[in-house]
Structures are given as C-alpha cells and as structure tokens.
Amino acid sequence: MGARKRIYLAGPVSNCNEWQKHAWRELTKRRHGDEFDFEDPTDFPSGLTEFALVHRDLEAIRASDAVLANMWKESIGTAFGIAHAAREGRPVVAVDPNGLQSAVLAFYSDAVVQSVHAGIHHLRDLFRLESKFRAVIKKGGGEEEFRRSKIKRSIENACRACRRDALIVPTYVLPAVIEHLAHGRSAGVKGAVTTSRIREVVWKVLAEHEANPSLRDSFVGIRQAWEEFDKRRRGGIRAPSAPERARLEERPLDVRVFATKAHKTVWDRAVRSRGDIPSPARGLFDEICRVPGIAEIRLGPFGGAHGGGPGAVAELMVSKDRRILEGKCHVQASLGGFQCFQIRVHDPAKREAIFQTLLDRLQEIGMLAGARDREA
C-alpha cells in the first residue's frame, strides 16, 4: 500500500468518562499501530478555545488519509467530523455497534460496520483499492500522486459552475468513481491512471445519475459544466474566477415567446406572445425577458402534478447546444404542474453570462426552483 496511512479516530468525547474516551482508541492503536498511524483527538492539548479546538480538529482530519468514526452513541462533534471528512474527500468508515441505523450517517460514510475491528478491515480494503493507482498520468506526459480529494474538488467546481450542491453531490458520486476506476478497464499503464480516464469515469457516473428520474434535478448540467471548462482550458482560455453577468433592463424586451404549431400549453391555450401567458407565470417570463441577448423563448412539453406554492418558479440548465438554455416553469395550471421551455440566445459566447444573470435574478425575487426551500 506504499506509505503508511494515517487514520483519524473520531468518536464521542463530551459527556464521556475517561474509559469511554480512551479505551477503544488505545486498543485500536495497540492492535494496528504496526500497520497504521493514528490521529487521536483525545491527545489534543487541554484548555483550547472553541475556535482553536474546531480548527485543530479540522486540520487533523485534513492531515489524515481516512476517518474511522466510532458512533457508539450519538455525538454532535463526531457528526461534524464526518461531514468535514466528506467535504475534504477523505474516506469515512462509521462504526454503529448499537444499531442507530442513521440514513444521514450512511450517506456521508463509505461504509457502516458494527465493530471497530470491522472498520479497520474495511479501511484496509479501501486503501488497497486506491493503491492500484501508483500515479496519475497527465495529458502532457507528466505524473502526479493519485489523490481522491482532487477528483472531489473537480466535481465540486463543476457543481458550483451550474449551481448544484457542492457537498452532498460530490460525496454521493465519489465512491462510485473510485470503484469504477479500480475495477474497470485498464488505463493502459500498469499502476497508473490517465487524467482522461478519470474524466471519462466521472462523466459516466454523472450521466448515470442524471438519467435516474429521482436524481435528475440534482445532477443535470454538472457533466456539461465540466466539459465546458475543459474546452476553455484546452483552448488556452483561463476560466474566470467569478461567472460573468449580463445587465438587466428596466422593462421586458421584445422577445418572441411562443408555442410551436399553435399547440396547447399547460394553461390549455395557444401561446403566440408573452401576453398570452396568464399570471403568475407571465411575471416569470417578464423577468427572463429583461436580460439582453435572448433571441426567443419556445414553449415545449408540459404536464405533471404541481407540488409547490401558489406562484411560479423556474429551474434552468445549460444545453449541449451552446445557443440554448433549457427551462421548466413550475406553476399550478389547468393541464398540469409544469411547462418546459427553451431560451435561444443570439451569441453562444454570451450564453453563460445570460445563464448566471437569470439564476441570480430569479433567486433574488424567489422565482428560482428551490430558492424558497433554502430560505425557509
């Protein structure tokens, strides 16, 4: 497995007696100290301030290769430690000897086992799995150390680029990516994996989740955001540190809004202009049409049940066609609960700026799908 691995021993400390805090940790270190190094939070100096304690704990997790979390009782500190580890891309194996059976604990952990011994065994298997990758071969032929955390950061960046969750989505995806890399076809060089192979596997996993109806809303657009960043980087164009924005006009611009071939819409009527859309959805499309650079808005399929509030909200995502933004208006109407639409832009180079402006504006006024839930 190469260099010795360091394991952080997470577990309850507050409201515990000395035996509860130390016994299992000391036993683990004695039994497995010849194989692993351990980071023990009970060895931290006493008298630390709250800030210093949390900071020291986070740094210890970052310095470790994995976290073994003995959740023999519910523990706020241990739960936060697990979340920190997930955010940093560290493997987490949780020990649940009393059958807490927490779905949240299972989500943030690579595995949940019943004993500390089983936890060490599972971590050993995870280390062996990742040890198959001696290095990552970059496009130019150079090599660098394989780091699980670096893959996670790339997924996080793609999530942020398309306004998807940058914690739970990468946490959910990463174990499947590692599994595919370890057990999939060879990268072509023994003991190494190419950056193109990593990208291929990540995109495959993202596509699988995007195709799942129960996960699609959380995963749509992430792969596309990663692909677009790759195109900019290959073209020698540095990705902007912050997304560009377009300006907002005082009033809606004269943008054609229509349903093709005079088809009905979710409102049980033909739409040939923005004025044919009843409130509250008309207000949503009025806001969209305040952004310059939009050529037309074409209404498409509709249906479904409406599970939201009395108003209208939209979800937006980028399309493979660089002139198109895909949208869905969620609204209570006579024929269903949503109306799909496409926004066609004049200049593909300005699509991202238009997209970011629309997201910001709709979120600001409570018309972005999910914004109300986040504010509640």
Protein backbone atom coordinates (compact mmCIF):
# COMPACT_ATOMS: atom_id res chain seq x y z
CA MET A 1 0.00 0.00 0.00
CA GLY A 2 3.03 2.28 -0.18
CA ALA A 3 3.49 4.90 2.56
CA ARG A 4 1.88 4.25 5.92
CA LYS A 5 -1.67 5.54 6.13
CA ARG A 6 -2.89 7.82 8.92
CA ILE A 7 -6.37 7.21 10.35
CA TYR A 8 -8.29 9.77 12.39
CA LEU A 9 -10.13 8.15 15.32
CA ALA A 10 -13.41 10.05 15.57
CA GLY A 11 -15.88 9.34 18.34
CA PRO A 12 -17.72 10.86 21.30
CA VAL A 13 -15.60 12.85 23.75
CA SER A 14 -18.00 15.23 25.51
CA ASN A 15 -20.07 13.80 28.37
CA CYS A 16 -17.93 10.64 28.42
CA ASN A 17 -15.85 9.19 31.24
CA GLU A 18 -12.15 8.52 30.78
CA TRP A 19 -12.64 4.85 29.91
CA GLN A 20 -15.24 5.67 27.23
CA LYS A 21 -12.97 8.27 25.65
CA HIS A 22 -9.73 6.32 25.68
CA ALA A 23 -10.28 2.54 25.88
CA TRP A 24 -11.32 1.78 22.30
CA ARG A 25 -8.81 4.24 20.85
CA GLU A 26 -5.87 2.82 22.82
CA LEU A 27 -6.87 -0.74 21.96
CA THR A 28 -7.04 0.16 18.27
CA LYS A 29 -3.62 1.80 18.36
CA ARG A 30 -2.06 -1.21 20.12
CA ARG A 31 -3.58 -3.73 17.74
CA HIS A 32 -2.91 -1.90 14.49
CA GLY A 33 -0.09 0.51 15.27
CA ASP A 34 2.41 -1.66 13.39
CA GLU A 35 0.36 -1.12 10.20
CA PHE A 36 -1.17 2.37 10.52
CA ASP A 37 -0.51 5.73 12.15
CA PHE A 38 -3.38 7.22 14.13
CA GLU A 39 -4.63 10.73 14.85
CA ASP A 40 -6.28 10.77 18.29
CA PRO A 41 -8.33 13.87 19.22
CA THR A 42 -8.12 12.97 22.92
CA ASP A 43 -4.41 13.83 22.66
CA PHE A 44 -5.17 17.47 21.83
CA PRO A 45 -3.93 19.97 24.44
CA SER A 46 -6.43 20.80 27.17
CA GLY A 47 -7.87 24.28 27.58
CA LEU A 48 -8.27 25.07 23.87
CA THR A 49 -10.83 27.73 22.96
CA GLU A 50 -13.84 26.64 20.92
CA PHE A 51 -12.31 28.09 17.76
CA ALA A 52 -8.90 26.54 18.42
CA LEU A 53 -10.46 23.14 19.13
CA VAL A 54 -12.56 23.09 15.95
CA HIS A 55 -9.60 24.36 13.89
CA ARG A 56 -7.26 21.73 15.37
CA ASP A 57 -9.85 19.02 14.70
CA LEU A 58 -10.28 20.07 11.06
CA GLU A 59 -6.52 20.22 10.49
CA ALA A 60 -6.12 16.73 11.98
CA ILE A 61 -8.76 15.37 9.59
CA ARG A 62 -7.02 17.06 6.65
CA ALA A 63 -3.70 15.51 7.72
CA SER A 64 -5.23 12.02 7.79
CA ASP A 65 -5.87 9.60 4.94
CA ALA A 66 -9.21 8.38 6.31
CA VAL A 67 -11.59 8.66 9.25
CA LEU A 68 -12.79 5.81 11.46
CA ALA A 69 -15.85 7.13 13.32
CA ASN A 70 -16.96 5.06 16.30
CA MET A 71 -20.56 6.23 16.75
CA TRP A 72 -21.26 4.09 19.82
CA LYS A 73 -23.64 6.86 20.85
CA GLU A 74 -24.98 9.92 19.08
CA SER A 75 -22.38 12.69 19.07
CA ILE A 76 -22.59 16.19 17.60
CA GLY A 77 -18.80 16.55 17.39
CA THR A 78 -18.38 13.19 15.64
CA ALA A 79 -21.15 14.02 13.17
CA PHE A 80 -19.45 17.29 12.26
CA GLY A 81 -16.12 15.47 11.94
CA ILE A 82 -17.68 13.05 9.47
CA ALA A 83 -19.10 15.96 7.46
CA HIS A 84 -15.69 17.68 7.47
CA ALA A 85 -14.05 14.48 6.23
CA ALA A 86 -16.62 14.11 3.45
CA ARG A 87 -16.03 17.71 2.40
CA GLU A 88 -12.26 17.13 2.30
CA GLY A 89 -12.68 13.98 0.21
CA ARG A 90 -11.42 11.62 2.92
CA PRO A 91 -12.84 8.08 3.13
CA VAL A 92 -15.10 7.57 6.16
CA VAL A 93 -15.98 4.25 7.75
CA ALA A 94 -18.56 4.55 10.53
CA VAL A 95 -18.93 2.06 13.37
CA ASP A 96 -22.54 1.63 14.54
CA PRO A 97 -22.44 -1.05 17.27
CA ASN A 98 -25.83 -0.13 18.77
CA GLY A 99 -27.81 -0.11 15.53
CA LEU A 100 -28.55 3.62 15.29
CA GLN A 101 -29.17 2.98 11.58
CA SER A 102 -28.96 6.64 10.65
CA ALA A 103 -29.59 7.30 6.95
CA VAL A 104 -27.54 10.51 7.19
CA LEU A 105 -24.61 8.63 8.76
CA ALA A 106 -24.76 6.07 5.95
CA PHE A 107 -24.86 8.79 3.29
CA TYR A 108 -21.69 10.54 4.48
CA SER A 109 -19.81 7.28 5.07
CA ASP A 110 -18.16 4.95 2.60
CA ALA A 111 -19.37 2.08 4.77
CA VAL A 112 -21.16 1.47 8.07
CA VAL A 113 -19.99 -1.54 10.10
CA GLN A 114 -20.74 -2.97 13.53
CA SER A 115 -17.30 -3.06 15.16
CA VAL A 116 -14.04 -1.12 15.23
CA HIS A 117 -12.21 -4.24 14.06
CA ALA A 118 -14.52 -4.47 11.00
CA GLY A 119 -13.96 -0.77 10.40
CA ILE A 120 -10.17 -1.17 10.28
CA HIS A 121 -10.58 -4.14 7.94
CA HIS A 122 -12.79 -2.11 5.60
CA LEU A 123 -10.35 0.82 5.59
CA ARG A 124 -7.56 -1.59 4.74
CA ASP A 125 -9.60 -2.74 1.73
CA LEU A 126 -10.22 0.85 0.67
CA PHE A 127 -6.51 1.67 0.88
CA ARG A 128 -5.70 -1.41 -1.19
CA LEU A 129 -8.28 -0.38 -3.75
CA GLU A 130 -6.76 3.07 -4.16
CA SER A 131 -3.22 1.70 -4.08
CA LYS A 132 -3.87 0.26 -7.54
CA PHE A 133 -3.14 3.76 -8.79
CA ARG A 134 0.57 4.45 -8.46
CA ALA A 135 0.14 7.83 -10.11
CA VAL A 136 -1.96 9.96 -12.41
CA ILE A 137 -0.56 10.49 -15.90
CA LYS A 138 -1.35 14.00 -17.10
CA LYS A 139 -2.04 14.99 -20.68
CA GLY A 140 1.48 16.31 -21.25
CA GLY A 141 3.02 13.04 -20.04
CA GLY A 142 3.97 14.15 -16.53
CA GLU A 143 2.90 12.29 -13.41
CA GLU A 144 1.43 13.30 -10.08
CA GLU A 145 0.21 11.47 -6.99
CA PHE A 146 -3.28 10.00 -7.19
CA ARG A 147 -5.47 11.94 -4.78
CA ARG A 148 -9.10 11.17 -4.17
CA SER A 149 -9.58 14.69 -2.80
CA LYS A 150 -8.51 16.24 -6.12
CA ILE A 151 -11.21 14.33 -8.01
CA LYS A 152 -13.73 15.54 -5.47
CA ARG A 153 -12.64 19.17 -5.89
CA SER A 154 -13.11 18.89 -9.65
CA ILE A 155 -16.65 17.60 -9.15
CA GLU A 156 -17.31 20.40 -6.65
CA ASN A 157 -16.14 23.02 -9.16
CA ALA A 158 -18.46 21.63 -11.83
CA CYS A 159 -21.35 21.67 -9.32
CA ARG A 160 -20.70 25.31 -8.44
CA ALA A 161 -20.46 26.26 -12.11
CA CYS A 162 -24.03 25.07 -12.73
CA ARG A 163 -25.39 25.96 -9.29
CA ARG A 164 -25.75 22.42 -7.98
CA ASP A 165 -24.96 21.33 -4.44
CA ALA A 166 -21.20 21.15 -3.90
CA LEU A 167 -21.20 18.92 -0.79
CA ILE A 168 -23.75 16.13 -1.00
CA VAL A 169 -23.49 15.60 -4.77
CA PRO A 170 -19.67 15.02 -4.80
CA THR A 171 -19.96 12.95 -1.61
CA TYR A 172 -22.54 10.74 -3.30
CA VAL A 173 -20.58 10.40 -6.54
CA LEU A 174 -17.00 9.86 -5.32
CA PRO A 175 -17.18 6.25 -4.00
CA ALA A 176 -18.74 5.07 -7.27
CA VAL A 177 -15.99 6.82 -9.25
CA ILE A 178 -13.24 5.12 -7.22
CA GLU A 179 -14.97 1.76 -7.62
CA HIS A 180 -15.24 2.18 -11.41
CA LEU A 181 -11.60 3.23 -11.68
CA ALA A 182 -10.35 0.27 -9.64
CA HIS A 183 -12.44 -2.42 -11.31
CA GLY A 184 -12.91 -1.01 -14.81
CA ARG A 185 -10.72 -1.49 -17.83
CA SER A 186 -7.01 -0.72 -17.56
CA ALA A 187 -5.78 2.83 -18.14
CA GLY A 188 -3.06 1.36 -20.32
CA VAL A 189 -0.16 1.90 -17.92
CA LYS A 190 0.33 -0.53 -15.06
CA GLY A 191 -0.20 1.07 -11.68
CA ALA A 192 -1.30 4.42 -13.11
CA VAL A 193 -4.42 6.06 -14.45
CA THR A 194 -4.67 8.84 -17.02
CA THR A 195 -6.50 12.10 -16.41
CA SER A 196 -8.66 11.36 -19.46
CA ARG A 197 -9.68 8.02 -17.91
CA ILE A 198 -10.63 9.73 -14.64
CA ARG A 199 -12.68 12.29 -16.54
CA GLU A 200 -14.36 9.54 -18.57
CA VAL A 201 -15.38 7.64 -15.42
CA VAL A 202 -16.66 10.75 -13.63
CA TRP A 203 -18.75 11.69 -16.65
CA LYS A 204 -20.12 8.14 -16.86
CA VAL A 205 -21.21 8.17 -13.20
CA LEU A 206 -22.73 11.66 -13.53
CA ALA A 207 -24.62 10.59 -16.66
CA GLU A 208 -26.00 7.51 -14.87
CA HIS A 209 -27.29 9.66 -12.01
CA GLU A 210 -28.68 12.29 -14.38
CA ALA A 211 -30.63 9.55 -16.19
CA ASN A 212 -32.21 8.46 -12.88
CA PRO A 213 -35.59 10.30 -12.61
CA SER A 214 -35.31 10.55 -8.82
CA LEU A 215 -31.84 12.17 -9.02
CA ARG A 216 -32.00 14.13 -12.27
CA ASP A 217 -32.84 17.54 -10.80
CA SER A 218 -29.74 17.40 -8.56
CA PHE A 219 -27.34 16.15 -11.25
CA VAL A 220 -28.46 17.74 -14.51
CA GLY A 221 -25.88 20.07 -16.03
CA ILE A 222 -22.87 19.03 -13.92
CA ARG A 223 -21.18 16.97 -16.63
CA GLN A 224 -21.86 19.71 -19.15
CA ALA A 225 -20.28 22.32 -16.87
CA TRP A 226 -17.14 20.18 -16.50
CA GLU A 227 -16.96 19.62 -20.27
CA GLU A 228 -17.24 23.34 -20.99
CA PHE A 229 -14.45 24.14 -18.53
CA ASP A 230 -12.27 21.53 -20.24
CA LYS A 231 -12.93 23.12 -23.63
CA ARG A 232 -11.90 26.55 -22.33
CA ARG A 233 -8.75 25.14 -20.76
CA ARG A 234 -7.75 23.22 -23.90
CA GLY A 235 -8.27 26.37 -25.92
CA GLY A 236 -5.87 28.28 -23.71
CA ILE A 237 -8.64 30.37 -22.22
CA ARG A 238 -8.41 30.74 -18.47
CA ALA A 239 -11.68 30.09 -16.68
CA PRO A 240 -12.98 33.25 -14.98
CA SER A 241 -12.68 33.33 -11.18
CA ALA A 242 -16.28 34.50 -10.99
CA PRO A 243 -19.08 33.90 -13.52
CA GLU A 244 -19.73 36.79 -15.89
CA ARG A 245 -23.04 38.64 -15.69
CA ALA A 246 -25.27 40.41 -18.18
CA ARG A 247 -27.11 43.62 -17.35
CA LEU A 248 -30.84 43.80 -16.58
CA GLU A 249 -33.11 46.16 -18.47
CA GLU A 250 -35.77 48.22 -16.67
CA ARG A 251 -38.58 46.62 -18.69
CA PRO A 252 -39.02 43.33 -20.56
CA LEU A 253 -37.51 43.39 -24.02
CA ASP A 254 -39.42 42.49 -27.16
CA VAL A 255 -38.58 38.79 -27.16
CA ARG A 256 -40.74 36.34 -29.08
CA VAL A 257 -42.35 33.84 -26.69
CA PHE A 258 -44.41 31.14 -28.39
CA ALA A 259 -45.51 27.51 -28.54
CA THR A 260 -44.73 25.78 -31.82
CA LYS A 261 -47.51 24.99 -34.30
CA ALA A 262 -50.13 26.67 -32.11
CA HIS A 263 -50.05 23.69 -29.73
CA LYS A 264 -51.76 23.96 -26.40
CA THR A 265 -49.72 24.63 -23.30
CA VAL A 266 -50.13 23.78 -19.63
CA TRP A 267 -52.62 26.70 -19.46
CA ASP A 268 -54.90 25.00 -22.04
CA ARG A 269 -54.33 27.71 -24.63
CA ALA A 270 -52.10 28.57 -27.57
CA VAL A 271 -49.28 31.00 -26.82
CA ARG A 272 -48.08 33.29 -29.62
CA SER A 273 -46.68 36.04 -27.40
CA ARG A 274 -45.78 36.70 -23.77
CA GLY A 275 -49.18 38.36 -23.30
CA ASP A 276 -50.93 35.01 -23.88
CA ILE A 277 -49.36 33.58 -20.71
CA PRO A 278 -51.57 34.07 -17.64
CA SER A 279 -50.29 35.22 -14.26
CA PRO A 280 -48.34 34.29 -12.22
CA ALA A 281 -46.22 32.64 -14.94
CA ARG A 282 -46.31 35.79 -17.08
CA GLY A 283 -44.36 37.62 -14.37
CA LEU A 284 -41.67 34.92 -14.52
CA PHE A 285 -41.27 35.27 -18.30
CA ASP A 286 -41.31 39.06 -17.97
CA GLU A 287 -38.26 38.80 -15.70
CA ILE A 288 -36.47 36.44 -18.10
CA CYS A 289 -37.07 38.86 -20.97
CA ARG A 290 -35.30 41.67 -19.08
CA VAL A 291 -31.94 40.09 -19.94
CA PRO A 292 -30.48 41.30 -23.27
CA GLY A 293 -29.19 38.73 -25.73
CA ILE A 294 -32.22 36.41 -25.79
CA ALA A 295 -33.47 35.71 -29.30
CA GLU A 296 -36.64 33.78 -28.48
CA ILE A 297 -38.34 31.57 -25.89
CA ARG A 298 -40.02 28.48 -27.25
CA LEU A 299 -42.54 26.55 -25.13
CA GLY A 300 -42.47 22.77 -25.29
CA PRO A 301 -43.86 19.76 -23.39
CA PHE A 302 -45.98 20.18 -20.27
CA GLY A 303 -47.75 18.08 -17.64
CA GLY A 304 -47.13 16.65 -14.20
CA ALA A 305 -48.53 17.49 -10.80
CA HIS A 306 -47.71 20.76 -9.05
CA GLY A 307 -46.28 20.33 -5.56
CA GLY A 308 -45.10 23.87 -4.86
CA GLY A 309 -46.66 27.14 -3.70
CA PRO A 310 -49.23 29.35 -5.40
CA GLY A 311 -46.73 31.27 -7.55
CA ALA A 312 -44.48 30.33 -10.46
CA VAL A 313 -40.84 29.24 -10.19
CA ALA A 314 -38.33 28.11 -12.79
CA GLU A 315 -35.40 25.76 -13.00
CA LEU A 316 -32.72 26.44 -15.59
CA MET A 317 -29.89 24.38 -17.04
CA VAL A 318 -27.43 24.60 -19.91
CA SER A 319 -27.98 22.53 -23.05
CA LYS A 320 -25.49 20.67 -25.24
CA ASP A 321 -26.44 23.20 -27.92
CA ARG A 322 -24.44 26.30 -27.00
CA ARG A 323 -27.24 28.57 -28.20
CA ILE A 324 -29.81 27.04 -25.86
CA LEU A 325 -30.77 27.20 -22.18
CA GLU A 326 -33.30 24.62 -21.04
CA GLY A 327 -36.00 25.65 -18.59
CA LYS A 328 -39.03 24.38 -16.73
CA CYS A 329 -41.72 26.64 -15.27
CA HIS A 330 -43.42 25.07 -12.24
CA VAL A 331 -46.91 26.51 -11.86
CA GLN A 332 -50.41 25.35 -10.96
CA ALA A 333 -52.34 25.32 -14.24
CA SER A 334 -55.39 23.64 -15.74
CA LEU A 335 -53.48 20.90 -17.57
CA GLY A 336 -50.66 20.16 -15.13
CA GLY A 337 -47.91 21.50 -12.94
CA PHE A 338 -45.04 22.37 -15.27
CA GLN A 339 -44.31 23.90 -18.67
CA CYS A 340 -40.95 23.23 -20.34
CA PHE A 341 -39.31 25.93 -22.45
CA GLN A 342 -36.11 26.70 -24.35
CA ILE A 343 -34.29 30.03 -24.31
CA ARG A 344 -32.35 30.65 -27.54
CA VAL A 345 -29.58 33.26 -27.33
CA HIS A 346 -28.16 35.38 -30.13
CA ASP A 347 -24.49 34.85 -29.26
CA PRO A 348 -23.27 31.47 -27.87
CA ALA A 349 -20.28 33.24 -26.29
CA LYS A 350 -22.68 35.18 -24.05
CA ARG A 351 -24.84 32.25 -23.01
CA GLU A 352 -23.02 31.72 -19.69
CA ALA A 353 -23.39 35.37 -18.72
CA ILE A 354 -27.11 35.24 -19.53
CA PHE A 355 -27.46 32.00 -17.58
CA GLN A 356 -25.76 33.40 -14.46
CA THR A 357 -27.78 36.62 -14.62
CA LEU A 358 -31.06 34.72 -14.85
CA LEU A 359 -30.11 32.46 -11.93
CA ASP A 360 -29.18 35.44 -9.75
CA ARG A 361 -32.27 37.46 -10.62
CA LEU A 362 -34.78 34.63 -10.22
CA GLN A 363 -33.24 33.59 -6.92
CA GLU A 364 -33.30 37.20 -5.70
CA ILE A 365 -37.06 37.50 -6.30
CA GLY A 366 -37.93 33.96 -5.12
CA MET A 367 -38.71 32.60 -8.58
CA LEU A 368 -35.86 30.08 -8.81
CA ALA A 369 -36.92 26.49 -8.07
CA GLY A 370 -35.56 25.52 -4.66
CA ALA A 371 -34.87 29.11 -3.53
CA ARG A 372 -37.91 29.19 -1.27
CA ASP A 373 -36.91 25.93 0.38
CA ARG A 374 -33.39 27.26 1.07
CA GLU A 375 -34.80 30.43 2.64
CA ALA A 376 -37.33 28.61 4.81
